[in-house]
């Protein structure tokens, strides 16, 4: 399954440079190992300005998925060529 997700610039930069290798999300999409996420850089609403996409994006595979309390998940971000070992 493919998921398009907003990501704020400070987090986008850390994923891009490789220092942020995970996402913490509400599991309203049913994230599964092997899914693809398209992280679209999004500048949130500021006083007097609406939020907007920058046009930058990163594609990653969902690796390990940890189902946390409530409806939250933490999942690893893997390169697109990563494959699930069955």
Foldseek 3Di string as FASTA:
>chain_A
DEEEEEDEPVVVVCVVVPNDFKDKDQCPPVDDFFYKYKYFYKHPDDVVGHIDTPPDIDIFTWHDWDQDPDRMIMTTTHHPPDDDDD
